[in-house]
Full PDB file with SEQRES, HELIX, SHEET, SSBOND, CRYST1, ORIGX, SCALE, CONECT and MASTER records, all heavy atoms in Angstrom:
SEQRES   1 A   39  ARG ASP ASN ALA LYS ASN THR VAL TYR LEU GLN MET ASN          
SEQRES   2 A   39  ASN LEU LYS PRO GLU ASP THR ALA VAL TYR TYR CYS ALA          
SEQRES   3 A   39  SER SER ALA VAL ALA TYR VAL GLU PRO LEU PRO PRO PRO          
HELIX    1 AA1 ASN A    3  LYS A    5  5                                   3    
HELIX    2 AA2 PRO A   17  ASP A   19  5                                   3    
CRYST1    1.000    1.000    1.000  90.00  90.00  90.00 P 1           1          
ORIGX1      1.000000  0.000000  0.000000        0.00000                         
ORIGX2      0.000000  1.000000  0.000000        0.00000                         
ORIGX3      0.000000  0.000000  1.000000        0.00000                         
SCALE1      1.000000  0.000000  0.000000        0.00000                         
SCALE2      0.000000  1.000000  0.000000        0.00000                         
SCALE3      0.000000  0.000000  1.000000        0.00000                         
ATOM      1  N   ARG A   1      -5.968  -2.556  -2.296  1.00  0.00           N  
ATOM      2  CA  ARG A   1      -7.084  -1.765  -1.799  1.00  0.00           C  
ATOM      3  C   ARG A   1      -8.395  -2.336  -2.299  1.00  0.00           C  
ATOM      4  O   ARG A   1      -8.460  -2.923  -3.383  1.00  0.00           O  
ATOM      5  CB  ARG A   1      -6.930  -0.298  -2.198  1.00  0.00           C  
ATOM      6  CG  ARG A   1      -7.014   0.020  -3.654  1.00  0.00           C  
ATOM      7  CD  ARG A   1      -6.566   1.473  -3.930  1.00  0.00           C  
ATOM      8  NE  ARG A   1      -7.392   2.414  -3.180  1.00  0.00           N  
ATOM      9  CZ  ARG A   1      -6.988   3.668  -2.886  1.00  0.00           C  
ATOM     10  NH1 ARG A   1      -5.801   4.090  -3.276  1.00  0.00           N  
ATOM     11  NH2 ARG A   1      -7.779   4.473  -2.216  1.00  0.00           N  
ATOM     12  N   ASP A   2      -9.426  -2.148  -1.509  1.00  0.00           N  
ATOM     13  CA  ASP A   2     -10.788  -2.517  -1.866  1.00  0.00           C  
ATOM     14  C   ASP A   2     -11.611  -1.256  -1.709  1.00  0.00           C  
ATOM     15  O   ASP A   2     -12.039  -0.911  -0.600  1.00  0.00           O  
ATOM     16  CB  ASP A   2     -11.287  -3.641  -0.949  1.00  0.00           C  
ATOM     17  CG  ASP A   2     -12.652  -4.149  -1.350  1.00  0.00           C  
ATOM     18  OD1 ASP A   2     -13.364  -3.434  -2.093  1.00  0.00           O  
ATOM     19  OD2 ASP A   2     -13.027  -5.242  -0.906  1.00  0.00           O  
ATOM     20  N   ASN A   3     -11.810  -0.553  -2.793  1.00  0.00           N  
ATOM     21  CA  ASN A   3     -12.507   0.731  -2.716  1.00  0.00           C  
ATOM     22  C   ASN A   3     -13.968   0.555  -2.315  1.00  0.00           C  
ATOM     23  O   ASN A   3     -14.568   1.473  -1.751  1.00  0.00           O  
ATOM     24  CB  ASN A   3     -12.378   1.489  -4.034  1.00  0.00           C  
ATOM     25  CG  ASN A   3     -10.997   2.104  -4.203  1.00  0.00           C  
ATOM     26  OD1 ASN A   3     -10.236   2.264  -3.240  1.00  0.00           O  
ATOM     27  ND2 ASN A   3     -10.647   2.464  -5.432  1.00  0.00           N  
ATOM     28  N   ALA A   4     -14.532  -0.587  -2.581  1.00  0.00           N  
ATOM     29  CA  ALA A   4     -15.917  -0.828  -2.163  1.00  0.00           C  
ATOM     30  C   ALA A   4     -16.024  -0.861  -0.637  1.00  0.00           C  
ATOM     31  O   ALA A   4     -17.075  -0.543  -0.071  1.00  0.00           O  
ATOM     32  CB  ALA A   4     -16.411  -2.141  -2.748  1.00  0.00           C  
ATOM     33  N   LYS A   5     -14.914  -1.242   0.010  1.00  0.00           N  
ATOM     34  CA  LYS A   5     -14.886  -1.293   1.469  1.00  0.00           C  
ATOM     35  C   LYS A   5     -14.149  -0.102   2.068  1.00  0.00           C  
ATOM     36  O   LYS A   5     -13.957  -0.052   3.291  1.00  0.00           O  
ATOM     37  CB  LYS A   5     -14.232  -2.596   1.932  1.00  0.00           C  
ATOM     38  CG  LYS A   5     -15.009  -3.847   1.558  1.00  0.00           C  
ATOM     39  CD  LYS A   5     -14.345  -5.100   2.112  1.00  0.00           C  
ATOM     40  CE  LYS A   5     -15.159  -6.338   1.781  1.00  0.00           C  
ATOM     41  NZ  LYS A   5     -14.539  -7.588   2.311  1.00  0.00           N  
ATOM     42  N   ASN A   6     -13.694   0.804   1.183  1.00  0.00           N  
ATOM     43  CA  ASN A   6     -12.997   1.996   1.691  1.00  0.00           C  
ATOM     44  C   ASN A   6     -11.777   1.619   2.533  1.00  0.00           C  
ATOM     45  O   ASN A   6     -11.494   2.277   3.550  1.00  0.00           O  
ATOM     46  CB  ASN A   6     -13.954   2.834   2.535  1.00  0.00           C  
ATOM     47  CG  ASN A   6     -14.036   4.272   2.078  1.00  0.00           C  
ATOM     48  OD1 ASN A   6     -13.599   4.620   0.986  1.00  0.00           O  
ATOM     49  ND2 ASN A   6     -14.601   5.111   2.917  1.00  0.00           N  
ATOM     50  N   THR A   7     -11.065   0.595   2.093  1.00  0.00           N  
ATOM     51  CA  THR A   7      -9.983   0.046   2.907  1.00  0.00           C  
ATOM     52  C   THR A   7      -8.762  -0.263   2.049  1.00  0.00           C  
ATOM     53  O   THR A   7      -8.892  -0.721   0.906  1.00  0.00           O  
ATOM     54  CB  THR A   7     -10.445  -1.244   3.622  1.00  0.00           C  
ATOM     55  OG1 THR A   7     -11.594  -0.948   4.420  1.00  0.00           O  
ATOM     56  CG2 THR A   7      -9.350  -1.792   4.528  1.00  0.00           C  
ATOM     57  N   VAL A   8      -7.598  -0.003   2.618  1.00  0.00           N  
ATOM     58  CA  VAL A   8      -6.325  -0.354   2.008  1.00  0.00           C  
ATOM     59  C   VAL A   8      -5.633  -1.356   2.928  1.00  0.00           C  
ATOM     60  O   VAL A   8      -5.696  -1.220   4.150  1.00  0.00           O  
ATOM     61  CB  VAL A   8      -5.451   0.891   1.800  1.00  0.00           C  
ATOM     62  CG1 VAL A   8      -4.044   0.515   1.338  1.00  0.00           C  
ATOM     63  CG2 VAL A   8      -6.112   1.831   0.802  1.00  0.00           C  
ATOM     64  N   TYR A   9      -4.979  -2.333   2.329  1.00  0.00           N  
ATOM     65  CA  TYR A   9      -4.348  -3.403   3.091  1.00  0.00           C  
ATOM     66  C   TYR A   9      -2.838  -3.420   2.856  1.00  0.00           C  
ATOM     67  O   TYR A   9      -2.349  -3.000   1.807  1.00  0.00           O  
ATOM     68  CB  TYR A   9      -4.914  -4.759   2.678  1.00  0.00           C  
ATOM     69  CG  TYR A   9      -6.409  -4.859   2.794  1.00  0.00           C  
ATOM     70  CD1 TYR A   9      -7.231  -4.667   1.696  1.00  0.00           C  
ATOM     71  CD2 TYR A   9      -7.007  -5.140   4.025  1.00  0.00           C  
ATOM     72  CE1 TYR A   9      -8.600  -4.757   1.796  1.00  0.00           C  
ATOM     73  CE2 TYR A   9      -8.381  -5.231   4.137  1.00  0.00           C  
ATOM     74  CZ  TYR A   9      -9.175  -5.036   3.025  1.00  0.00           C  
ATOM     75  OH  TYR A   9     -10.543  -5.121   3.141  1.00  0.00           O  
ATOM     76  N   LEU A  10      -2.148  -3.951   3.832  1.00  0.00           N  
ATOM     77  CA  LEU A  10      -0.720  -4.234   3.672  1.00  0.00           C  
ATOM     78  C   LEU A  10      -0.488  -5.653   4.182  1.00  0.00           C  
ATOM     79  O   LEU A  10      -0.539  -5.892   5.392  1.00  0.00           O  
ATOM     80  CB  LEU A  10       0.146  -3.245   4.437  1.00  0.00           C  
ATOM     81  CG  LEU A  10       1.652  -3.408   4.203  1.00  0.00           C  
ATOM     82  CD1 LEU A  10       2.020  -3.028   2.760  1.00  0.00           C  
ATOM     83  CD2 LEU A  10       2.463  -2.550   5.186  1.00  0.00           C  
ATOM     84  N   GLN A  11      -0.309  -6.568   3.242  1.00  0.00           N  
ATOM     85  CA  GLN A  11      -0.007  -7.956   3.588  1.00  0.00           C  
ATOM     86  C   GLN A  11       1.499  -8.073   3.789  1.00  0.00           C  
ATOM     87  O   GLN A  11       2.275  -7.762   2.882  1.00  0.00           O  
ATOM     88  CB  GLN A  11      -0.466  -8.896   2.481  1.00  0.00           C  
ATOM     89  CG  GLN A  11      -0.121 -10.354   2.729  1.00  0.00           C  
ATOM     90  CD  GLN A  11      -0.890 -10.958   3.891  1.00  0.00           C  
ATOM     91  OE1 GLN A  11      -2.092 -10.716   4.025  1.00  0.00           O  
ATOM     92  NE2 GLN A  11      -0.208 -11.736   4.728  1.00  0.00           N  
ATOM     93  N   MET A  12       1.890  -8.523   4.961  1.00  0.00           N  
ATOM     94  CA  MET A  12       3.311  -8.606   5.313  1.00  0.00           C  
ATOM     95  C   MET A  12       3.672 -10.064   5.572  1.00  0.00           C  
ATOM     96  O   MET A  12       3.142 -10.672   6.509  1.00  0.00           O  
ATOM     97  CB  MET A  12       3.600  -7.748   6.545  1.00  0.00           C  
ATOM     98  CG  MET A  12       3.146  -6.302   6.403  1.00  0.00           C  
ATOM     99  SD  MET A  12       3.644  -5.261   7.786  1.00  0.00           S  
ATOM    100  CE  MET A  12       2.725  -6.022   9.122  1.00  0.00           C  
ATOM    101  N   ASN A  13       4.529 -10.601   4.737  1.00  0.00           N  
ATOM    102  CA  ASN A  13       4.962 -11.990   4.860  1.00  0.00           C  
ATOM    103  C   ASN A  13       6.446 -12.051   5.188  1.00  0.00           C  
ATOM    104  O   ASN A  13       7.185 -11.082   4.969  1.00  0.00           O  
ATOM    105  CB  ASN A  13       4.688 -12.748   3.561  1.00  0.00           C  
ATOM    106  CG  ASN A  13       3.221 -12.823   3.220  1.00  0.00           C  
ATOM    107  OD1 ASN A  13       2.365 -12.854   4.107  1.00  0.00           O  
ATOM    108  ND2 ASN A  13       2.923 -12.873   1.927  1.00  0.00           N  
ATOM    109  N   ASN A  14       6.879 -13.198   5.674  1.00  0.00           N  
ATOM    110  CA  ASN A  14       8.286 -13.410   6.006  1.00  0.00           C  
ATOM    111  C   ASN A  14       8.833 -12.246   6.836  1.00  0.00           C  
ATOM    112  O   ASN A  14       9.886 -11.678   6.519  1.00  0.00           O  
ATOM    113  CB  ASN A  14       9.109 -13.585   4.731  1.00  0.00           C  
ATOM    114  CG  ASN A  14      10.521 -14.058   5.001  1.00  0.00           C  
ATOM    115  OD1 ASN A  14      10.812 -14.624   6.058  1.00  0.00           O  
ATOM    116  ND2 ASN A  14      11.415 -13.824   4.046  1.00  0.00           N  
ATOM    117  N   LEU A  15       8.127 -11.930   7.887  1.00  0.00           N  
ATOM    118  CA  LEU A  15       8.505 -10.784   8.709  1.00  0.00           C  
ATOM    119  C   LEU A  15       9.830 -11.017   9.414  1.00  0.00           C  
ATOM    120  O   LEU A  15      10.162 -12.143   9.813  1.00  0.00           O  
ATOM    121  CB  LEU A  15       7.403 -10.472   9.719  1.00  0.00           C  
ATOM    122  CG  LEU A  15       6.191  -9.752   9.117  1.00  0.00           C  
ATOM    123  CD1 LEU A  15       4.969  -9.892   9.989  1.00  0.00           C  
ATOM    124  CD2 LEU A  15       6.520  -8.282   8.899  1.00  0.00           C  
ATOM    125  N   LYS A  16      10.572  -9.933   9.563  1.00  0.00           N  
ATOM    126  CA  LYS A  16      11.886  -9.966  10.190  1.00  0.00           C  
ATOM    127  C   LYS A  16      11.893  -9.056  11.415  1.00  0.00           C  
ATOM    128  O   LYS A  16      11.095  -8.114  11.477  1.00  0.00           O  
ATOM    129  CB  LYS A  16      12.939  -9.494   9.194  1.00  0.00           C  
ATOM    130  CG  LYS A  16      12.975 -10.270   7.893  1.00  0.00           C  
ATOM    131  CD  LYS A  16      13.971  -9.672   6.925  1.00  0.00           C  
ATOM    132  CE  LYS A  16      13.995 -10.452   5.612  1.00  0.00           C  
ATOM    133  NZ  LYS A  16      14.989  -9.891   4.652  1.00  0.00           N  
ATOM    134  N   PRO A  17      12.771  -9.284  12.359  1.00  0.00           N  
ATOM    135  CA  PRO A  17      12.833  -8.406  13.540  1.00  0.00           C  
ATOM    136  C   PRO A  17      12.991  -6.930  13.168  1.00  0.00           C  
ATOM    137  O   PRO A  17      12.449  -6.059  13.865  1.00  0.00           O  
ATOM    138  CB  PRO A  17      14.054  -8.925  14.289  1.00  0.00           C  
ATOM    139  CG  PRO A  17      14.113 -10.376  13.939  1.00  0.00           C  
ATOM    140  CD  PRO A  17      13.675 -10.430  12.490  1.00  0.00           C  
ATOM    141  N   GLU A  18      13.683  -6.645  12.069  1.00  0.00           N  
ATOM    142  CA  GLU A  18      13.875  -5.257  11.666  1.00  0.00           C  
ATOM    143  C   GLU A  18      12.612  -4.612  11.106  1.00  0.00           C  
ATOM    144  O   GLU A  18      12.592  -3.412  10.809  1.00  0.00           O  
ATOM    145  CB  GLU A  18      15.013  -5.132  10.642  1.00  0.00           C  
ATOM    146  CG  GLU A  18      14.921  -6.078   9.475  1.00  0.00           C  
ATOM    147  CD  GLU A  18      15.741  -7.344   9.669  1.00  0.00           C  
ATOM    148  OE1 GLU A  18      15.739  -7.909  10.788  1.00  0.00           O  
ATOM    149  OE2 GLU A  18      16.381  -7.769   8.672  1.00  0.00           O  
ATOM    150  N   ASP A  19      11.539  -5.395  10.944  1.00  0.00           N  
ATOM    151  CA  ASP A  19      10.257  -4.827  10.546  1.00  0.00           C  
ATOM    152  C   ASP A  19       9.484  -4.274  11.746  1.00  0.00           C  
ATOM    153  O   ASP A  19       8.424  -3.662  11.582  1.00  0.00           O  
ATOM    154  CB  ASP A  19       9.395  -5.882   9.843  1.00  0.00           C  
ATOM    155  CG  ASP A  19       9.983  -6.337   8.526  1.00  0.00           C  
ATOM    156  OD1 ASP A  19      10.464  -5.480   7.761  1.00  0.00           O  
ATOM    157  OD2 ASP A  19       9.951  -7.558   8.260  1.00  0.00           O  
ATOM    158  N   THR A  20       9.997  -4.505  12.944  1.00  0.00           N  
ATOM    159  CA  THR A  20       9.339  -4.013  14.147  1.00  0.00           C  
ATOM    160  C   THR A  20       9.260  -2.491  14.125  1.00  0.00           C  
ATOM    161  O   THR A  20      10.269  -1.802  13.960  1.00  0.00           O  
ATOM    162  CB  THR A  20      10.109  -4.465  15.399  1.00  0.00           C  
ATOM    163  OG1 THR A  20      10.042  -5.891  15.491  1.00  0.00           O  
ATOM    164  CG2 THR A  20       9.513  -3.858  16.656  1.00  0.00           C  
ATOM    165  N   ALA A  21       8.040  -1.965  14.269  1.00  0.00           N  
ATOM    166  CA  ALA A  21       7.817  -0.525  14.192  1.00  0.00           C  
ATOM    167  C   ALA A  21       6.335  -0.243  14.425  1.00  0.00           C  
ATOM    168  O   ALA A  21       5.513  -1.160  14.440  1.00  0.00           O  
ATOM    169  CB  ALA A  21       8.234   0.017  12.823  1.00  0.00           C  
ATOM    170  N   VAL A  22       6.028   1.027  14.568  1.00  0.00           N  
ATOM    171  CA  VAL A  22       4.637   1.466  14.499  1.00  0.00           C  
ATOM    172  C   VAL A  22       4.354   1.770  13.030  1.00  0.00           C  
ATOM    173  O   VAL A  22       5.106   2.523  12.392  1.00  0.00           O  
ATOM    174  CB  VAL A  22       4.385   2.706  15.371  1.00  0.00           C  
ATOM    175  CG1 VAL A  22       2.937   3.165  15.220  1.00  0.00           C  
ATOM    176  CG2 VAL A  22       4.705   2.393  16.836  1.00  0.00           C  
ATOM    177  N   TYR A  23       3.293   1.195  12.524  1.00  0.00           N  
ATOM    178  CA  TYR A  23       2.928   1.359  11.121  1.00  0.00           C  
ATOM    179  C   TYR A  23       1.750   2.330  11.013  1.00  0.00           C  
ATOM    180  O   TYR A  23       0.748   2.202  11.736  1.00  0.00           O  
ATOM    181  CB  TYR A  23       2.557   0.017  10.501  1.00  0.00           C  
ATOM    182  CG  TYR A  23       3.766  -0.833  10.184  1.00  0.00           C  
ATOM    183  CD1 TYR A  23       4.504  -1.417  11.205  1.00  0.00           C  
ATOM    184  CD2 TYR A  23       4.180  -1.033   8.870  1.00  0.00           C  
ATOM    185  CE1 TYR A  23       5.630  -2.178  10.934  1.00  0.00           C  
ATOM    186  CE2 TYR A  23       5.303  -1.798   8.581  1.00  0.00           C  
ATOM    187  CZ  TYR A  23       6.023  -2.361   9.616  1.00  0.00           C  
ATOM    188  OH  TYR A  23       7.144  -3.116   9.333  1.00  0.00           O  
ATOM    189  N   TYR A  24       1.889   3.277  10.112  1.00  0.00           N  
ATOM    190  CA  TYR A  24       0.880   4.299   9.885  1.00  0.00           C  
ATOM    191  C   TYR A  24       0.412   4.247   8.433  1.00  0.00           C  
ATOM    192  O   TYR A  24       1.207   4.030   7.533  1.00  0.00           O  
ATOM    193  CB  TYR A  24       1.450   5.693  10.130  1.00  0.00           C  
ATOM    194  CG  TYR A  24       1.993   5.929  11.510  1.00  0.00           C  
ATOM    195  CD1 TYR A  24       3.327   5.660  11.804  1.00  0.00           C  
ATOM    196  CD2 TYR A  24       1.188   6.458  12.513  1.00  0.00           C  
ATOM    197  CE1 TYR A  24       3.842   5.882  13.069  1.00  0.00           C  
ATOM    198  CE2 TYR A  24       1.692   6.691  13.782  1.00  0.00           C  
ATOM    199  CZ  TYR A  24       3.017   6.401  14.054  1.00  0.00           C  
ATOM    200  OH  TYR A  24       3.519   6.639  15.312  1.00  0.00           O  
ATOM    201  N   CYS A  25      -0.872   4.489   8.220  1.00  0.00           N  
ATOM    202  CA  CYS A  25      -1.331   4.743   6.863  1.00  0.00           C  
ATOM    203  C   CYS A  25      -1.676   6.219   6.749  1.00  0.00           C  
ATOM    204  O   CYS A  25      -1.978   6.884   7.752  1.00  0.00           O  
ATOM    205  CB  CYS A  25      -2.527   3.874   6.495  1.00  0.00           C  
ATOM    206  SG  CYS A  25      -4.054   4.212   7.386  1.00  0.00           S  
ATOM    207  N   ALA A  26      -1.589   6.725   5.538  1.00  0.00           N  
ATOM    208  CA  ALA A  26      -1.850   8.133   5.294  1.00  0.00           C  
ATOM    209  C   ALA A  26      -2.405   8.295   3.884  1.00  0.00           C  
ATOM    210  O   ALA A  26      -2.105   7.493   2.996  1.00  0.00           O  
ATOM    211  CB  ALA A  26      -0.574   8.946   5.460  1.00  0.00           C  
ATOM    212  N   SER A  27      -3.198   9.319   3.691  1.00  0.00           N  
ATOM    213  CA  SER A  27      -3.808   9.564   2.385  1.00  0.00           C  
ATOM    214  C   SER A  27      -3.330  10.890   1.814  1.00  0.00           C  
ATOM    215  O   SER A  27      -3.075  11.848   2.561  1.00  0.00           O  
ATOM    216  CB  SER A  27      -5.334   9.566   2.498  1.00  0.00           C  
ATOM    217  OG  SER A  27      -5.777  10.629   3.320  1.00  0.00           O  
ATOM    218  N   SER A  28      -3.208  10.918   0.502  1.00  0.00           N  
ATOM    219  CA  SER A  28      -2.765  12.116  -0.199  1.00  0.00           C  
ATOM    220  C   SER A  28      -3.699  12.398  -1.360  1.00  0.00           C  
ATOM    221  O   SER A  28      -4.097  11.482  -2.077  1.00  0.00           O  
ATOM    222  CB  SER A  28      -1.341  11.920  -0.715  1.00  0.00           C  
ATOM    223  OG  SER A  28      -0.950  12.996  -1.528  1.00  0.00           O  
ATOM    224  N   ALA A  29      -3.995  13.679  -1.556  1.00  0.00           N  
ATOM    225  CA  ALA A  29      -4.814  14.094  -2.694  1.00  0.00           C  
ATOM    226  C   ALA A  29      -3.975  14.200  -3.968  1.00  0.00           C  
ATOM    227  O   ALA A  29      -4.526  14.404  -5.052  1.00  0.00           O  
ATOM    228  CB  ALA A  29      -5.489  15.423  -2.396  1.00  0.00           C  
ATOM    229  N   VAL A  30      -2.662  14.059  -3.836  1.00  0.00           N  
ATOM    230  CA  VAL A  30      -1.782  14.100  -5.001  1.00  0.00           C  
ATOM    231  C   VAL A  30      -1.854  12.748  -5.700  1.00  0.00           C  
ATOM    232  O   VAL A  30      -1.686  11.701  -5.084  1.00  0.00           O  
ATOM    233  CB  VAL A  30      -0.336  14.411  -4.572  1.00  0.00           C  
ATOM    234  CG1 VAL A  30       0.596  14.358  -5.781  1.00  0.00           C  
ATOM    235  CG2 VAL A  30      -0.270  15.760  -3.875  1.00  0.00           C  
ATOM    236  N   ALA A  31      -2.096  12.796  -6.993  1.00  0.00           N  
ATOM    237  CA  ALA A  31      -2.215  11.555  -7.758  1.00  0.00           C  
ATOM    238  C   ALA A  31      -0.874  10.844  -7.870  1.00  0.00           C  
ATOM    239  O   ALA A  31       0.192  11.473  -7.885  1.00  0.00           O  
ATOM    240  CB  ALA A  31      -2.766  11.847  -9.141  1.00  0.00           C  
ATOM    241  N   TYR A  32      -0.948   9.526  -7.936  1.00  0.00           N  
ATOM    242  CA  TYR A  32       0.243   8.704  -8.141  1.00  0.00           C  
ATOM    243  C   TYR A  32       0.051   7.982  -9.465  1.00  0.00           C  
ATOM    244  O   TYR A  32      -0.810   7.112  -9.588  1.00  0.00           O  
ATOM    245  CB  TYR A  32       0.386   7.718  -6.979  1.00  0.00           C  
ATOM    246  CG  TYR A  32       1.446   6.654  -7.164  1.00  0.00           C  
ATOM    247  CD1 TYR A  32       2.583   6.870  -7.930  1.00  0.00           C  
ATOM    248  CD2 TYR A  32       1.313   5.417  -6.538  1.00  0.00           C  
ATOM    249  CE1 TYR A  32       3.545   5.887  -8.083  1.00  0.00           C  
ATOM    250  CE2 TYR A  32       2.268   4.438  -6.680  1.00  0.00           C  
ATOM    251  CZ  TYR A  32       3.381   4.667  -7.451  1.00  0.00           C  
ATOM    252  OH  TYR A  32       4.335   3.697  -7.592  1.00  0.00           O  
ATOM    253  N   VAL A  33       0.848   8.408 -10.450  1.00  0.00           N  
ATOM    254  CA  VAL A  33       0.743   7.839 -11.782  1.00  0.00           C  
ATOM    255  C   VAL A  33       2.135   7.470 -12.244  1.00  0.00           C  
ATOM    256  O   VAL A  33       2.991   8.335 -12.414  1.00  0.00           O  
ATOM    257  CB  VAL A  33       0.087   8.833 -12.767  1.00  0.00           C  
ATOM    258  CG1 VAL A  33      -0.031   8.191 -14.139  1.00  0.00           C  
ATOM    259  CG2 VAL A  33      -1.272   9.289 -12.255  1.00  0.00           C  
ATOM    260  N   GLU A  34       2.369   6.209 -12.436  1.00  0.00           N  
ATOM    261  CA  GLU A  34       3.677   5.772 -12.920  1.00  0.00           C  
ATOM    262  C   GLU A  34       3.880   6.298 -14.349  1.00  0.00           C  
ATOM    263  O   GLU A  34       2.917   6.457 -15.100  1.00  0.00           O  
ATOM    264  CB  GLU A  34       3.768   4.249 -12.896  1.00  0.00           C  
ATOM    265  CG  GLU A  34       3.782   3.681 -11.478  1.00  0.00           C  
ATOM    266  CD  GLU A  34       3.904   2.181 -11.458  1.00  0.00           C  
ATOM    267  OE1 GLU A  34       3.059   1.510 -12.059  1.00  0.00           O  
ATOM    268  OE2 GLU A  34       4.871   1.691 -10.836  1.00  0.00           O  
ATOM    269  N   PRO A  35       5.084   6.638 -14.714  1.00  0.00           N  
ATOM    270  CA  PRO A  35       6.346   6.348 -14.056  1.00  0.00           C  
ATOM    271  C   PRO A  35       6.790   7.367 -13.010  1.00  0.00           C  
ATOM    272  O   PRO A  35       7.878   7.252 -12.460  1.00  0.00           O  
ATOM    273  CB  PRO A  35       7.341   6.321 -15.217  1.00  0.00           C  
ATOM    274  CG  PRO A  35       6.807   7.358 -16.149  1.00  0.00           C  
ATOM    275  CD  PRO A  35       5.318   7.227 -16.052  1.00  0.00           C  
ATOM    276  N   LEU A  36       5.926   8.364 -12.731  1.00  0.00           N  
ATOM    277  CA  LEU A  36       6.308   9.335 -11.713  1.00  0.00           C  
ATOM    278  C   LEU A  36       6.302   8.659 -10.344  1.00  0.00           C  
ATOM    279  O   LEU A  36       5.541   7.717 -10.101  1.00  0.00           O  
ATOM    280  CB  LEU A  36       5.339  10.505 -11.729  1.00  0.00           C  
ATOM    281  CG  LEU A  36       5.321  11.334 -13.022  1.00  0.00           C  
ATOM    282  CD1 LEU A  36       4.251  12.406 -12.950  1.00  0.00           C  
ATOM    283  CD2 LEU A  36       6.684  11.935 -13.296  1.00  0.00           C  
ATOM    284  N   PRO A  37       7.101   9.165  -9.405  1.00  0.00           N  
ATOM    285  CA  PRO A  37       7.140   8.563  -8.065  1.00  0.00           C  
ATOM    286  C   PRO A  37       5.875   8.895  -7.288  1.00  0.00           C  
ATOM    287  O   PRO A  37       5.150   9.832  -7.641  1.00  0.00           O  
ATOM    288  CB  PRO A  37       8.372   9.207  -7.422  1.00  0.00           C  
ATOM    289  CG  PRO A  37       8.511  10.515  -8.121  1.00  0.00           C  
ATOM    290  CD  PRO A  37       8.069  10.261  -9.537  1.00  0.00           C  
ATOM    291  N   PRO A  38       5.585   8.168  -6.227  1.00  0.00           N  
ATOM    292  CA  PRO A  38       4.422   8.475  -5.391  1.00  0.00           C  
ATOM    293  C   PRO A  38       4.630   9.806  -4.666  1.00  0.00           C  
ATOM    294  O   PRO A  38       5.746  10.324  -4.627  1.00  0.00           O  
ATOM    295  CB  PRO A  38       4.360   7.307  -4.411  1.00  0.00           C  
ATOM    296  CG  PRO A  38       5.748   6.781  -4.368  1.00  0.00           C  
ATOM    297  CD  PRO A  38       6.301   6.984  -5.745  1.00  0.00           C  
ATOM    298  N   PRO A  39       3.569  10.368  -4.103  1.00  0.00           N  
ATOM    299  CA  PRO A  39       3.697  11.636  -3.371  1.00  0.00           C  
ATOM    300  C   PRO A  39       4.732  11.536  -2.249  1.00  0.00           C  
ATOM    301  O   PRO A  39       4.932  10.482  -1.651  1.00  0.00           O  
ATOM    302  CB  PRO A  39       2.300  11.860  -2.798  1.00  0.00           C  
ATOM    303  CG  PRO A  39       1.403  11.081  -3.693  1.00  0.00           C  
ATOM    304  CD  PRO A  39       2.183   9.887  -4.125  1.00  0.00           C  
TER     305      PRO A  39                                                      
MASTER        0    0    0    2    0    0    0    6  304    1    0    3          
END                                                                             
């Protein structure tokens, strides 16, 4: 993520046919702090 640009990225390499899908981003107000799992 680049918070200065208000943008989150997903770099996808070595793509496979099974990666074919509609990709969505979503935001949560719940904090994500390891070792706890993400929201």
